[in-house]
Amino acid sequence: MTGIRDDAGQYSTKMRIIPDTKITLTAPEDIPEEVEYWVSKYKEVKTIYDIAHAHEHFELIHPFGDGNGRVARLIMAHQFIKNGMLPPMIDGHNKALYYATLEQAQTEGNVIPLVYFLTEAIEKMKEQLGIENYFN
């Protein structure tokens, strides 16, 4: 984003909203402290359930002016790989369901649909790669 956005790589100093949702994001002045808390809380995630919690929490912090989803999905992929699992495949075919389950986790505190979605998206990744029982 360097050269495209003046604030590339910096925490947002402005209020951010996610259109058409009831999601409340972290206030700009609280972002540094919340990111520090997030890092300490989720540095040792081990399960899909924990990764789902970490993911929805990071998305609520929404620390940047742009690119939050890409960064969050990259962090999530790293967490899966670090734990010996394939990352989920999130693409044009399932992205709407991803957003719906993420929003449910964020607004209702229920990560189970997101966990189920991620589990299915990992299976989709296995199929795409032609891998059977690779990480089981």
Protein backbone atom coordinates (compact mmCIF):
# COMPACT_ATOMS: atom_id res chain seq x y z
CA MET A 1 0.00 0.00 0.00
CA THR A 2 3.05 2.28 0.13
CA GLY A 3 2.52 5.06 -2.37
CA ILE A 4 -1.21 4.30 -2.55
CA ARG A 5 -2.20 5.32 0.96
CA ASP A 6 -0.51 7.91 3.17
CA ASP A 7 -1.21 5.78 6.25
CA ALA A 8 0.08 2.46 4.85
CA GLY A 9 1.45 0.30 7.65
CA GLN A 10 0.26 2.67 10.36
CA TYR A 11 -2.55 2.21 12.84
CA SER A 12 -5.65 4.12 11.84
CA THR A 13 -6.22 7.44 13.55
CA LYS A 14 -9.77 7.70 12.24
CA MET A 15 -13.01 6.00 13.13
CA ARG A 16 -13.66 3.01 10.88
CA ILE A 17 -16.98 1.38 10.08
CA ILE A 18 -17.98 -1.81 8.37
CA PRO A 19 -20.98 -0.89 6.20
CA ASP A 20 -24.29 -2.69 6.66
CA THR A 21 -23.33 -4.27 9.99
CA LYS A 22 -23.90 -3.62 13.68
CA ILE A 23 -20.22 -4.18 14.44
CA THR A 24 -18.46 -1.71 16.73
CA LEU A 25 -14.74 -1.44 16.05
CA THR A 26 -11.99 -0.46 18.48
CA ALA A 27 -11.65 3.31 18.93
CA PRO A 28 -8.52 4.66 17.20
CA GLU A 29 -6.92 5.81 20.44
CA ASP A 30 -7.27 2.28 21.88
CA ILE A 31 -5.78 0.40 18.90
CA PRO A 32 -2.13 0.14 20.11
CA GLU A 33 -3.13 -1.20 23.53
CA GLU A 34 -5.73 -3.57 22.04
CA VAL A 35 -3.25 -4.96 19.48
CA GLU A 36 -0.72 -5.53 22.28
CA TYR A 37 -3.38 -7.36 24.30
CA TRP A 38 -4.39 -9.40 21.22
CA VAL A 39 -0.79 -10.49 20.59
CA SER A 40 -0.31 -11.62 24.20
CA LYS A 41 -3.68 -13.41 24.35
CA TYR A 42 -3.40 -15.33 21.07
CA LYS A 43 0.31 -16.02 20.67
CA GLU A 44 -0.12 -19.71 21.52
CA VAL A 45 -3.37 -20.68 19.79
CA LYS A 46 -3.61 -24.43 19.19
CA THR A 47 -7.11 -25.30 17.96
CA ILE A 48 -9.43 -24.17 15.20
CA TYR A 49 -11.72 -22.81 17.91
CA ASP A 50 -8.89 -20.66 19.33
CA ILE A 51 -7.87 -19.49 15.87
CA ALA A 52 -11.48 -18.51 15.10
CA HIS A 53 -11.61 -16.46 18.31
CA ALA A 54 -8.32 -14.78 17.50
CA HIS A 55 -9.50 -14.01 13.98
CA GLU A 56 -12.81 -12.45 14.91
CA HIS A 57 -11.12 -10.45 17.68
CA PHE A 58 -8.45 -9.07 15.30
CA GLU A 59 -11.17 -8.09 12.84
CA LEU A 60 -12.93 -6.17 15.63
CA ILE A 61 -9.77 -4.23 16.37
CA HIS A 62 -9.56 -3.37 12.66
CA PRO A 63 -6.31 -1.50 13.25
CA PHE A 64 -5.62 -0.21 9.73
CA GLY A 65 -7.38 2.12 7.35
CA ASP A 66 -7.35 -0.57 4.67
CA GLY A 67 -6.27 -4.19 4.29
CA ASN A 68 -7.54 -5.48 7.63
CA GLY A 69 -9.22 -8.53 6.12
CA ARG A 70 -6.16 -9.52 4.10
CA VAL A 71 -3.87 -9.10 7.11
CA ALA A 72 -6.27 -11.01 9.37
CA ARG A 73 -6.57 -13.91 6.90
CA LEU A 74 -2.77 -13.99 6.52
CA ILE A 75 -2.33 -14.14 10.29
CA MET A 76 -4.95 -16.87 10.46
CA ALA A 77 -3.20 -18.88 7.72
CA HIS A 78 0.05 -18.59 9.67
CA GLN A 79 -1.66 -19.84 12.83
CA PHE A 80 -3.04 -22.88 10.99
CA ILE A 81 0.30 -23.72 9.39
CA LYS A 82 2.17 -23.21 12.68
CA ASN A 83 -0.15 -25.81 14.21
CA GLY A 84 0.39 -28.33 11.42
CA MET A 85 -2.90 -27.67 9.63
CA LEU A 86 -3.67 -26.50 6.14
CA PRO A 87 -5.11 -23.01 6.07
CA PRO A 88 -8.71 -22.64 4.96
CA MET A 89 -9.50 -21.80 1.36
CA ILE A 90 -11.57 -18.62 1.31
CA ASP A 91 -12.43 -17.59 -2.21
CA GLY A 92 -15.21 -16.12 -4.31
CA HIS A 93 -17.32 -19.25 -3.85
CA ASN A 94 -17.47 -19.14 -0.05
CA LYS A 95 -16.49 -15.58 0.89
CA ALA A 96 -20.08 -14.47 1.57
CA LEU A 97 -20.52 -17.35 4.02
CA TYR A 98 -17.17 -16.46 5.61
CA TYR A 99 -18.34 -12.88 6.15
CA ALA A 100 -21.68 -14.05 7.57
CA THR A 101 -20.11 -16.45 10.07
CA LEU A 102 -17.49 -13.86 11.02
CA GLU A 103 -20.17 -11.25 11.63
CA GLN A 104 -22.16 -13.70 13.76
CA ALA A 105 -19.07 -14.36 15.87
CA GLN A 106 -18.47 -10.65 16.29
CA THR A 107 -22.04 -9.56 17.03
CA GLU A 108 -23.36 -12.56 18.97
CA GLY A 109 -20.17 -14.00 20.46
CA ASN A 110 -20.90 -17.35 18.81
CA VAL A 111 -17.80 -18.63 16.98
CA ILE A 112 -19.17 -22.14 16.32
CA PRO A 113 -20.49 -21.29 12.82
CA LEU A 114 -17.11 -19.71 12.00
CA VAL A 115 -15.31 -22.80 13.30
CA TYR A 116 -17.53 -24.99 11.15
CA PHE A 117 -16.92 -22.74 8.14
CA LEU A 118 -13.13 -22.88 8.67
CA THR A 119 -13.25 -26.67 9.01
CA GLU A 120 -15.12 -26.96 5.72
CA ALA A 121 -12.78 -24.44 4.06
CA ILE A 122 -9.79 -26.58 5.12
CA GLU A 123 -11.45 -29.57 3.45
CA LYS A 124 -11.93 -27.42 0.36
CA MET A 125 -8.21 -26.62 0.42
CA LYS A 126 -7.39 -30.34 0.67
CA GLU A 127 -9.61 -31.09 -2.32
CA GLN A 128 -8.10 -28.26 -4.32
CA LEU A 129 -4.60 -29.57 -3.62
CA GLY A 130 -5.56 -33.21 -4.11
CA ILE A 131 -4.44 -34.06 -0.58
CA GLU A 132 -6.10 -36.87 1.35
CA ASN A 133 -5.51 -37.25 5.10
CA TYR A 134 -2.42 -35.02 4.84
CA PHE A 135 -2.69 -33.25 8.18
CA ASN A 136 -4.84 -35.77 10.06
